[in-house]
Amino acid sequence: MGNTSTVGMVTFAVFMTEALIHYNTGVADVTGQPFKFRIPPGQQLLKLALIVGAATTVSTSIIAYLGK
C-alpha cells in the first residue's frame, strides 16, 4: 500500500466521522432530542459515503499533486 492509499484511507475515515457527527447533530436539532450517535439508515449512509468518497478523492489527489 502506497503513501497515497494511506492518505486516502485516513482522509476518508476522518471525513466520514465528521459527516456522521454533523448528521447526528442535525437530527438532534430537528427533533429537539439530545445528541445521540446513530448510524443513519442504509440509503442516507450510502449518500454520505459517496459524498465523503468524492471529497476524499479530491483531497487525496491534491495532496499527491502537491507532494511531487
Protein backbone atom coordinates (compact mmCIF):
# COMPACT_ATOMS: atom_id res chain seq x y z
CA MET A 1 0.00 0.00 0.00
CA GLY A 2 1.48 3.29 -1.10
CA ASN A 3 1.52 6.58 0.71
CA THR A 4 -1.39 7.87 -1.41
CA SER A 5 -3.55 4.93 -0.36
CA THR A 6 -2.78 5.57 3.30
CA VAL A 7 -3.60 9.26 2.95
CA GLY A 8 -6.86 8.36 1.18
CA MET A 9 -7.98 5.87 3.83
CA VAL A 10 -7.14 8.19 6.73
CA THR A 11 -8.85 11.11 4.99
CA PHE A 12 -11.97 9.03 4.31
CA ALA A 13 -12.12 7.87 7.95
CA VAL A 14 -11.77 11.41 9.31
CA PHE A 15 -14.24 12.94 6.81
CA MET A 16 -16.78 10.14 7.39
CA THR A 17 -16.56 10.56 11.15
CA GLU A 18 -17.15 14.28 10.72
CA ALA A 19 -20.09 13.63 8.38
CA LEU A 20 -21.70 11.27 10.90
CA ILE A 21 -21.27 13.83 13.69
CA HIS A 22 -22.90 16.51 11.51
CA TYR A 23 -25.71 14.10 10.59
CA ASN A 24 -26.43 13.30 14.24
CA THR A 25 -26.20 16.96 15.26
CA GLY A 26 -28.78 17.79 12.57
CA VAL A 27 -31.09 15.01 13.73
CA ALA A 28 -30.84 16.27 17.32
CA ASP A 29 -31.55 19.86 16.24
CA VAL A 30 -34.57 18.93 14.09
CA THR A 31 -36.13 16.51 16.57
CA GLY A 32 -35.31 18.52 19.69
CA GLN A 33 -33.86 15.39 21.29
CA PRO A 34 -30.44 15.31 22.92
CA PHE A 35 -27.48 14.33 20.75
CA LYS A 36 -27.17 10.57 20.41
CA PHE A 37 -24.74 8.95 17.99
CA ARG A 38 -26.57 6.74 15.50
CA ILE A 39 -25.63 5.25 12.15
CA PRO A 40 -28.06 6.59 9.51
CA PRO A 41 -30.36 4.24 7.58
CA GLY A 42 -28.79 2.50 4.56
CA GLN A 43 -29.80 4.96 1.83
CA GLN A 44 -28.65 8.01 3.82
CA LEU A 45 -25.43 6.26 4.85
CA LEU A 46 -24.73 5.46 1.20
CA LYS A 47 -25.28 9.10 0.21
CA LEU A 48 -22.91 10.26 2.96
CA ALA A 49 -20.28 7.70 1.92
CA LEU A 50 -20.48 8.77 -1.74
CA ILE A 51 -20.13 12.46 -0.88
CA VAL A 52 -17.27 11.74 1.52
CA GLY A 53 -15.66 9.47 -1.07
CA ALA A 54 -15.76 12.25 -3.66
CA ALA A 55 -14.27 14.76 -1.21
CA THR A 56 -11.61 12.21 -0.22
CA THR A 57 -10.66 11.66 -3.85
CA VAL A 58 -10.26 15.39 -4.44
CA SER A 59 -8.31 15.89 -1.22
CA THR A 60 -6.02 12.90 -1.81
CA SER A 61 -5.36 13.98 -5.39
CA ILE A 62 -4.41 17.50 -4.29
CA ILE A 63 -2.12 16.14 -1.57
CA ALA A 64 -0.44 13.78 -4.07
CA TYR A 65 -0.02 16.60 -6.60
CA LEU A 66 1.46 18.99 -4.03
CA GLY A 67 3.78 16.27 -2.73
CA LYS A 68 5.52 15.93 -6.11
